[in-house]
mmCIF file of all heavy atoms, coordinates in Angstrom:
data_MODEL
# 
_entry.id   MODEL 
# 
loop_
_atom_site.group_PDB 
_atom_site.id 
_atom_site.type_symbol 
_atom_site.label_atom_id 
_atom_site.label_alt_id 
_atom_site.label_comp_id 
_atom_site.label_asym_id 
_atom_site.label_entity_id 
_atom_site.label_seq_id 
_atom_site.pdbx_PDB_ins_code 
_atom_site.Cartn_x 
_atom_site.Cartn_y 
_atom_site.Cartn_z 
_atom_site.occupancy 
_atom_site.B_iso_or_equiv 
_atom_site.pdbx_formal_charge 
_atom_site.auth_seq_id 
_atom_site.auth_comp_id 
_atom_site.auth_asym_id 
_atom_site.auth_atom_id 
_atom_site.pdbx_PDB_model_num 
ATOM 1   N N   . LEU A 1 1  ? -7.189  33.946 103.793 1.00 0.00 ? 1  LEU A N   1 
ATOM 2   C CA  . LEU A 1 1  ? -6.956  33.750 105.224 1.00 0.00 ? 1  LEU A CA  1 
ATOM 3   C C   . LEU A 1 1  ? -7.252  34.998 106.043 1.00 0.00 ? 1  LEU A C   1 
ATOM 4   O O   . LEU A 1 1  ? -7.958  34.948 107.048 1.00 0.00 ? 1  LEU A O   1 
ATOM 5   C CB  . LEU A 1 1  ? -5.506  33.328 105.458 1.00 0.00 ? 1  LEU A CB  1 
ATOM 6   C CG  . LEU A 1 1  ? -5.152  31.864 105.226 1.00 0.00 ? 1  LEU A CG  1 
ATOM 7   C CD1 . LEU A 1 1  ? -3.648  31.666 105.344 1.00 0.00 ? 1  LEU A CD1 1 
ATOM 8   C CD2 . LEU A 1 1  ? -5.881  30.985 106.233 1.00 0.00 ? 1  LEU A CD2 1 
ATOM 9   N N   . PHE A 1 2  ? -6.679  36.139 105.615 1.00 0.00 ? 2  PHE A N   1 
ATOM 10  C CA  . PHE A 1 2  ? -6.662  37.312 106.469 1.00 0.00 ? 2  PHE A CA  1 
ATOM 11  C C   . PHE A 1 2  ? -7.586  38.431 105.992 1.00 0.00 ? 2  PHE A C   1 
ATOM 12  O O   . PHE A 1 2  ? -7.751  39.439 106.686 1.00 0.00 ? 2  PHE A O   1 
ATOM 13  C CB  . PHE A 1 2  ? -5.231  37.862 106.574 1.00 0.00 ? 2  PHE A CB  1 
ATOM 14  C CG  . PHE A 1 2  ? -4.241  36.816 107.015 1.00 0.00 ? 2  PHE A CG  1 
ATOM 15  C CD1 . PHE A 1 2  ? -3.286  36.331 106.141 1.00 0.00 ? 2  PHE A CD1 1 
ATOM 16  C CD2 . PHE A 1 2  ? -4.282  36.304 108.292 1.00 0.00 ? 2  PHE A CD2 1 
ATOM 17  C CE1 . PHE A 1 2  ? -2.380  35.370 106.534 1.00 0.00 ? 2  PHE A CE1 1 
ATOM 18  C CE2 . PHE A 1 2  ? -3.384  35.344 108.707 1.00 0.00 ? 2  PHE A CE2 1 
ATOM 19  C CZ  . PHE A 1 2  ? -2.433  34.863 107.829 1.00 0.00 ? 2  PHE A CZ  1 
ATOM 20  N N   . GLY A 1 3  ? -8.152  38.272 104.791 1.00 0.00 ? 3  GLY A N   1 
ATOM 21  C CA  . GLY A 1 3  ? -9.029  39.313 104.282 1.00 0.00 ? 3  GLY A CA  1 
ATOM 22  C C   . GLY A 1 3  ? -8.257  40.392 103.558 1.00 0.00 ? 3  GLY A C   1 
ATOM 23  O O   . GLY A 1 3  ? -7.044  40.506 103.654 1.00 0.00 ? 3  GLY A O   1 
ATOM 24  N N   . GLY A 1 4  ? -8.977  41.212 102.789 1.00 0.00 ? 4  GLY A N   1 
ATOM 25  C CA  . GLY A 1 4  ? -8.337  42.291 102.039 1.00 0.00 ? 4  GLY A CA  1 
ATOM 26  C C   . GLY A 1 4  ? -7.468  41.741 100.935 1.00 0.00 ? 4  GLY A C   1 
ATOM 27  O O   . GLY A 1 4  ? -7.451  40.565 100.627 1.00 0.00 ? 4  GLY A O   1 
ATOM 28  N N   . GLY A 1 5  ? -6.717  42.576 100.288 1.00 0.00 ? 5  GLY A N   1 
ATOM 29  C CA  . GLY A 1 5  ? -5.834  42.136 99.217  1.00 0.00 ? 5  GLY A CA  1 
ATOM 30  C C   . GLY A 1 5  ? -4.395  42.394 99.522  1.00 0.00 ? 5  GLY A C   1 
ATOM 31  O O   . GLY A 1 5  ? -3.554  42.325 98.644  1.00 0.00 ? 5  GLY A O   1 
ATOM 32  N N   . GLY A 1 6  ? -4.143  42.768 100.816 1.00 0.00 ? 6  GLY A N   1 
ATOM 33  C CA  . GLY A 1 6  ? -2.820  43.222 101.201 1.00 0.00 ? 6  GLY A CA  1 
ATOM 34  C C   . GLY A 1 6  ? -1.738  42.226 100.938 1.00 0.00 ? 6  GLY A C   1 
ATOM 35  O O   . GLY A 1 6  ? -1.006  42.307 99.981  1.00 0.00 ? 6  GLY A O   1 
ATOM 36  N N   . GLY A 1 7  ? -1.550  41.280 101.777 1.00 0.00 ? 7  GLY A N   1 
ATOM 37  C CA  . GLY A 1 7  ? -0.541  40.266 101.566 1.00 0.00 ? 7  GLY A CA  1 
ATOM 38  C C   . GLY A 1 7  ? 0.851   40.779 101.782 1.00 0.00 ? 7  GLY A C   1 
ATOM 39  O O   . GLY A 1 7  ? 1.141   41.970 101.707 1.00 0.00 ? 7  GLY A O   1 
ATOM 40  N N   . ALA A 1 8  ? 1.762   39.837 101.989 1.00 0.00 ? 8  ALA A N   1 
ATOM 41  C CA  . ALA A 1 8  ? 3.142   40.199 102.313 1.00 0.00 ? 8  ALA A CA  1 
ATOM 42  C C   . ALA A 1 8  ? 3.842   40.849 101.147 1.00 0.00 ? 8  ALA A C   1 
ATOM 43  O O   . ALA A 1 8  ? 4.720   41.662 101.325 1.00 0.00 ? 8  ALA A O   1 
ATOM 44  C CB  . ALA A 1 8  ? 3.900   38.943 102.759 1.00 0.00 ? 8  ALA A CB  1 
ATOM 45  N N   . ARG A 1 9  ? 3.465   40.516 99.912  1.00 0.00 ? 9  ARG A N   1 
ATOM 46  C CA  . ARG A 1 9  ? 4.202   41.042 98.777  1.00 0.00 ? 9  ARG A CA  1 
ATOM 47  C C   . ARG A 1 9  ? 4.004   42.546 98.619  1.00 0.00 ? 9  ARG A C   1 
ATOM 48  O O   . ARG A 1 9  ? 4.791   43.206 97.978  1.00 0.00 ? 9  ARG A O   1 
ATOM 49  C CB  . ARG A 1 9  ? 3.766   40.328 97.498  1.00 0.00 ? 9  ARG A CB  1 
ATOM 50  C CG  . ARG A 1 9  ? 4.186   38.870 97.469  1.00 0.00 ? 9  ARG A CG  1 
ATOM 51  C CD  . ARG A 1 9  ? 3.800   38.223 96.165  1.00 0.00 ? 9  ARG A CD  1 
ATOM 52  N NE  . ARG A 1 9  ? 4.147   36.824 96.168  1.00 0.00 ? 9  ARG A NE  1 
ATOM 53  C CZ  . ARG A 1 9  ? 3.875   35.986 95.179  1.00 0.00 ? 9  ARG A CZ  1 
ATOM 54  N NH1 . ARG A 1 9  ? 3.238   36.414 94.107  1.00 0.00 ? 9  ARG A NH1 1 
ATOM 55  N NH2 . ARG A 1 9  ? 4.219   34.722 95.247  1.00 0.00 ? 9  ARG A NH2 1 
ATOM 56  N N   . GLU A 1 10 ? 2.902   43.061 99.163  1.00 0.00 ? 10 GLU A N   1 
ATOM 57  C CA  . GLU A 1 10 ? 2.632   44.473 99.044  1.00 0.00 ? 10 GLU A CA  1 
ATOM 58  C C   . GLU A 1 10 ? 3.225   45.258 100.213 1.00 0.00 ? 10 GLU A C   1 
ATOM 59  O O   . GLU A 1 10 ? 3.003   46.450 100.338 1.00 0.00 ? 10 GLU A O   1 
ATOM 60  C CB  . GLU A 1 10 ? 1.124   44.707 98.953  1.00 0.00 ? 10 GLU A CB  1 
ATOM 61  C CG  . GLU A 1 10 ? 0.539   44.081 97.697  1.00 0.00 ? 10 GLU A CG  1 
ATOM 62  C CD  . GLU A 1 10 ? -0.949  44.319 97.586  1.00 0.00 ? 10 GLU A CD  1 
ATOM 63  O OE1 . GLU A 1 10 ? -1.458  45.203 98.295  1.00 0.00 ? 10 GLU A OE1 1 
ATOM 64  O OE2 . GLU A 1 10 ? -1.597  43.640 96.794  1.00 0.00 ? 10 GLU A OE2 1 
ATOM 65  N N   . GLY A 1 11 ? 3.962   44.594 101.089 1.00 0.00 ? 11 GLY A N   1 
ATOM 66  C CA  . GLY A 1 11 ? 4.710   45.274 102.121 1.00 0.00 ? 11 GLY A CA  1 
ATOM 67  C C   . GLY A 1 11 ? 3.928   45.599 103.368 1.00 0.00 ? 11 GLY A C   1 
ATOM 68  O O   . GLY A 1 11 ? 4.394   46.388 104.193 1.00 0.00 ? 11 GLY A O   1 
ATOM 69  N N   . ARG A 1 12 ? 2.729   45.086 103.517 1.00 0.00 ? 12 ARG A N   1 
ATOM 70  C CA  . ARG A 1 12 ? 1.966   45.384 104.715 1.00 0.00 ? 12 ARG A CA  1 
ATOM 71  C C   . ARG A 1 12 ? 2.352   44.397 105.808 1.00 0.00 ? 12 ARG A C   1 
ATOM 72  O O   . ARG A 1 12 ? 2.110   43.211 105.703 1.00 0.00 ? 12 ARG A O   1 
ATOM 73  C CB  . ARG A 1 12 ? 0.468   45.278 104.439 1.00 0.00 ? 12 ARG A CB  1 
ATOM 74  C CG  . ARG A 1 12 ? 0.008   46.296 103.395 1.00 0.00 ? 12 ARG A CG  1 
ATOM 75  C CD  . ARG A 1 12 ? -1.481  46.237 103.200 1.00 0.00 ? 12 ARG A CD  1 
ATOM 76  N NE  . ARG A 1 12 ? -1.882  47.171 102.154 1.00 0.00 ? 12 ARG A NE  1 
ATOM 77  C CZ  . ARG A 1 12 ? -3.134  47.280 101.724 1.00 0.00 ? 12 ARG A CZ  1 
ATOM 78  N NH1 . ARG A 1 12 ? -4.074  46.526 102.237 1.00 0.00 ? 12 ARG A NH1 1 
ATOM 79  N NH2 . ARG A 1 12 ? -3.433  48.146 100.772 1.00 0.00 ? 12 ARG A NH2 1 
ATOM 80  N N   . ALA A 1 13 ? 2.911   44.911 106.872 1.00 0.00 ? 13 ALA A N   1 
ATOM 81  C CA  . ALA A 1 13 ? 3.381   44.047 107.954 1.00 0.00 ? 13 ALA A CA  1 
ATOM 82  C C   . ALA A 1 13 ? 2.237   43.607 108.846 1.00 0.00 ? 13 ALA A C   1 
ATOM 83  O O   . ALA A 1 13 ? 2.353   42.636 109.573 1.00 0.00 ? 13 ALA A O   1 
ATOM 84  C CB  . ALA A 1 13 ? 4.429   44.795 108.782 1.00 0.00 ? 13 ALA A CB  1 
ATOM 85  N N   . GLU A 1 14 ? 1.126   44.340 108.786 1.00 0.00 ? 14 GLU A N   1 
ATOM 86  C CA  . GLU A 1 14 ? 0.030   44.052 109.697 1.00 0.00 ? 14 GLU A CA  1 
ATOM 87  C C   . GLU A 1 14 ? -0.960  43.097 109.032 1.00 0.00 ? 14 GLU A C   1 
ATOM 88  O O   . GLU A 1 14 ? -1.356  43.274 107.888 1.00 0.00 ? 14 GLU A O   1 
ATOM 89  C CB  . GLU A 1 14 ? -0.675  45.368 110.057 1.00 0.00 ? 14 GLU A CB  1 
ATOM 90  C CG  . GLU A 1 14 ? -1.780  45.200 111.079 1.00 0.00 ? 14 GLU A CG  1 
ATOM 91  C CD  . GLU A 1 14 ? -2.361  46.557 111.441 1.00 0.00 ? 14 GLU A CD  1 
ATOM 92  O OE1 . GLU A 1 14 ? -2.019  47.538 110.764 1.00 0.00 ? 14 GLU A OE1 1 
ATOM 93  O OE2 . GLU A 1 14 ? -3.145  46.628 112.376 1.00 0.00 ? 14 GLU A OE2 1 
ATOM 94  N N   . SER A 1 15 ? -1.370  42.054 109.732 1.00 0.00 ? 15 SER A N   1 
ATOM 95  C CA  . SER A 1 15 ? -2.383  41.138 109.220 1.00 0.00 ? 15 SER A CA  1 
ATOM 96  C C   . SER A 1 15 ? -3.729  41.833 109.238 1.00 0.00 ? 15 SER A C   1 
ATOM 97  O O   . SER A 1 15 ? -4.149  42.380 110.250 1.00 0.00 ? 15 SER A O   1 
ATOM 98  C CB  . SER A 1 15 ? -2.440  39.882 110.094 1.00 0.00 ? 15 SER A CB  1 
ATOM 99  O OG  . SER A 1 15 ? -1.213  39.216 110.064 1.00 0.00 ? 15 SER A OG  1 
ATOM 100 N N   . ARG A 1 16 ? -4.371  41.826 108.101 1.00 0.00 ? 16 ARG A N   1 
ATOM 101 C CA  . ARG A 1 16 ? -5.667  42.495 108.010 1.00 0.00 ? 16 ARG A CA  1 
ATOM 102 C C   . ARG A 1 16 ? -6.782  41.451 108.042 1.00 0.00 ? 16 ARG A C   1 
ATOM 103 O O   . ARG A 1 16 ? -6.742  40.473 107.301 1.00 0.00 ? 16 ARG A O   1 
ATOM 104 C CB  . ARG A 1 16 ? -5.769  43.303 106.722 1.00 0.00 ? 16 ARG A CB  1 
ATOM 105 C CG  . ARG A 1 16 ? -7.119  43.981 106.549 1.00 0.00 ? 16 ARG A CG  1 
ATOM 106 C CD  . ARG A 1 16 ? -7.198  44.697 105.229 1.00 0.00 ? 16 ARG A CD  1 
ATOM 107 N NE  . ARG A 1 16 ? -8.519  45.282 105.061 1.00 0.00 ? 16 ARG A NE  1 
ATOM 108 C CZ  . ARG A 1 16 ? -8.944  45.835 103.944 1.00 0.00 ? 16 ARG A CZ  1 
ATOM 109 N NH1 . ARG A 1 16 ? -8.150  45.883 102.897 1.00 0.00 ? 16 ARG A NH1 1 
ATOM 110 N NH2 . ARG A 1 16 ? -10.151 46.348 103.858 1.00 0.00 ? 16 ARG A NH2 1 
ATOM 111 N N   . ILE A 1 17 ? -7.777  41.671 108.885 1.00 0.00 ? 17 ILE A N   1 
ATOM 112 C CA  . ILE A 1 17 ? -8.933  40.780 108.965 1.00 0.00 ? 17 ILE A CA  1 
ATOM 113 C C   . ILE A 1 17 ? -10.179 41.604 108.707 1.00 0.00 ? 17 ILE A C   1 
ATOM 114 O O   . ILE A 1 17 ? -10.417 42.606 109.372 1.00 0.00 ? 17 ILE A O   1 
ATOM 115 C CB  . ILE A 1 17 ? -9.018  40.115 110.343 1.00 0.00 ? 17 ILE A CB  1 
ATOM 116 C CG1 . ILE A 1 17 ? -7.778  39.260 110.599 1.00 0.00 ? 17 ILE A CG1 1 
ATOM 117 C CG2 . ILE A 1 17 ? -10.257 39.261 110.467 1.00 0.00 ? 17 ILE A CG2 1 
ATOM 118 C CD1 . ILE A 1 17 ? -7.803  38.540 111.917 1.00 0.00 ? 17 ILE A CD1 1 
ATOM 119 N N   . ASP A 1 18 ? -10.956 41.187 107.737 1.00 0.00 ? 18 ASP A N   1 
ATOM 120 C CA  . ASP A 1 18 ? -12.236 41.839 107.539 1.00 0.00 ? 18 ASP A CA  1 
ATOM 121 C C   . ASP A 1 18 ? -13.316 40.766 107.536 1.00 0.00 ? 18 ASP A C   1 
ATOM 122 O O   . ASP A 1 18 ? -13.057 39.606 107.803 1.00 0.00 ? 18 ASP A O   1 
ATOM 123 C CB  . ASP A 1 18 ? -12.259 42.664 106.244 1.00 0.00 ? 18 ASP A CB  1 
ATOM 124 C CG  . ASP A 1 18 ? -11.990 41.826 104.997 1.00 0.00 ? 18 ASP A CG  1 
ATOM 125 O OD1 . ASP A 1 18 ? -12.171 40.590 105.073 1.00 0.00 ? 18 ASP A OD1 1 
ATOM 126 O OD2 . ASP A 1 18 ? -11.595 42.403 103.970 1.00 0.00 ? 18 ASP A OD2 1 
ATOM 127 N N   . ASP A 1 19 ? -14.540 41.157 107.256 1.00 0.00 ? 19 ASP A N   1 
ATOM 128 C CA  . ASP A 1 19 ? -15.643 40.208 107.363 1.00 0.00 ? 19 ASP A CA  1 
ATOM 129 C C   . ASP A 1 19 ? -15.543 39.075 106.359 1.00 0.00 ? 19 ASP A C   1 
ATOM 130 O O   . ASP A 1 19 ? -16.220 38.075 106.490 1.00 0.00 ? 19 ASP A O   1 
ATOM 131 C CB  . ASP A 1 19 ? -16.977 40.951 107.174 1.00 0.00 ? 19 ASP A CB  1 
ATOM 132 C CG  . ASP A 1 19 ? -17.279 41.849 108.366 1.00 0.00 ? 19 ASP A CG  1 
ATOM 133 O OD1 . ASP A 1 19 ? -16.691 41.597 109.434 1.00 0.00 ? 19 ASP A OD1 1 
ATOM 134 O OD2 . ASP A 1 19 ? -18.084 42.790 108.204 1.00 0.00 ? 19 ASP A OD2 1 
ATOM 135 N N   . GLY A 1 20 ? -14.715 39.237 105.307 1.00 0.00 ? 20 GLY A N   1 
ATOM 136 C CA  . GLY A 1 20 ? -14.606 38.189 104.313 1.00 0.00 ? 20 GLY A CA  1 
ATOM 137 C C   . GLY A 1 20 ? -13.496 37.205 104.575 1.00 0.00 ? 20 GLY A C   1 
ATOM 138 O O   . GLY A 1 20 ? -13.316 36.273 103.809 1.00 0.00 ? 20 GLY A O   1 
ATOM 139 N N   . SER A 1 21 ? -12.688 37.381 105.631 1.00 0.00 ? 21 SER A N   1 
ATOM 140 C CA  . SER A 1 21 ? -11.555 36.492 105.864 1.00 0.00 ? 21 SER A CA  1 
ATOM 141 C C   . SER A 1 21 ? -11.993 35.198 106.516 1.00 0.00 ? 21 SER A C   1 
ATOM 142 O O   . SER A 1 21 ? -12.995 35.145 107.241 1.00 0.00 ? 21 SER A O   1 
ATOM 143 C CB  . SER A 1 21 ? -10.522 37.193 106.745 1.00 0.00 ? 21 SER A CB  1 
ATOM 144 O OG  . SER A 1 21 ? -10.994 37.282 108.074 1.00 0.00 ? 21 SER A OG  1 
ATOM 145 N N   . ALA A 1 22 ? -11.218 34.142 106.257 1.00 0.00 ? 22 ALA A N   1 
ATOM 146 C CA  . ALA A 1 22 ? -11.519 32.846 106.859 1.00 0.00 ? 22 ALA A CA  1 
ATOM 147 C C   . ALA A 1 22 ? -11.424 32.910 108.370 1.00 0.00 ? 22 ALA A C   1 
ATOM 148 O O   . ALA A 1 22 ? -12.208 32.283 109.082 1.00 0.00 ? 22 ALA A O   1 
ATOM 149 C CB  . ALA A 1 22 ? -10.571 31.796 106.301 1.00 0.00 ? 22 ALA A CB  1 
ATOM 150 N N   . VAL A 1 23 ? -10.456 33.675 108.884 1.00 0.00 ? 23 VAL A N   1 
ATOM 151 C CA  . VAL A 1 23 ? -10.299 33.782 110.329 1.00 0.00 ? 23 VAL A CA  1 
ATOM 152 C C   . VAL A 1 23 ? -11.542 34.406 110.955 1.00 0.00 ? 23 VAL A C   1 
ATOM 153 O O   . VAL A 1 23 ? -12.025 33.949 111.993 1.00 0.00 ? 23 VAL A O   1 
ATOM 154 C CB  . VAL A 1 23 ? -9.040  34.613 110.670 1.00 0.00 ? 23 VAL A CB  1 
ATOM 155 C CG1 . VAL A 1 23 ? -8.910  34.805 112.168 1.00 0.00 ? 23 VAL A CG1 1 
ATOM 156 C CG2 . VAL A 1 23 ? -7.793  33.925 110.122 1.00 0.00 ? 23 VAL A CG2 1 
ATOM 157 N N   . ALA A 1 24 ? -12.087 35.434 110.311 1.00 0.00 ? 24 ALA A N   1 
ATOM 158 C CA  . ALA A 1 24 ? -13.294 36.069 110.833 1.00 0.00 ? 24 ALA A CA  1 
ATOM 159 C C   . ALA A 1 24 ? -14.506 35.154 110.688 1.00 0.00 ? 24 ALA A C   1 
ATOM 160 O O   . ALA A 1 24 ? -15.340 35.054 111.600 1.00 0.00 ? 24 ALA A O   1 
ATOM 161 C CB  . ALA A 1 24 ? -13.532 37.395 110.121 1.00 0.00 ? 24 ALA A CB  1 
ATOM 162 N N   . LEU A 1 25 ? -14.603 34.491 109.563 1.00 0.00 ? 25 LEU A N   1 
ATOM 163 C CA  . LEU A 1 25 ? -15.749 33.605 109.336 1.00 0.00 ? 25 LEU A CA  1 
ATOM 164 C C   . LEU A 1 25 ? -15.780 32.444 110.312 1.00 0.00 ? 25 LEU A C   1 
ATOM 165 O O   . LEU A 1 25 ? -16.839 31.899 110.624 1.00 0.00 ? 25 LEU A O   1 
ATOM 166 C CB  . LEU A 1 25 ? -15.724 33.073 107.903 1.00 0.00 ? 25 LEU A CB  1 
ATOM 167 C CG  . LEU A 1 25 ? -15.982 34.095 106.798 1.00 0.00 ? 25 LEU A CG  1 
ATOM 168 C CD1 . LEU A 1 25 ? -15.751 33.460 105.429 1.00 0.00 ? 25 LEU A CD1 1 
ATOM 169 C CD2 . LEU A 1 25 ? -17.399 34.647 106.892 1.00 0.00 ? 25 LEU A CD2 1 
# 
């Protein structure tokens, strides 16, 4: 969905979007 490998389990509060995310595509 958001790109990257971050995810909530890794404690990143910020949604990350990169060129590979569904939202960006």
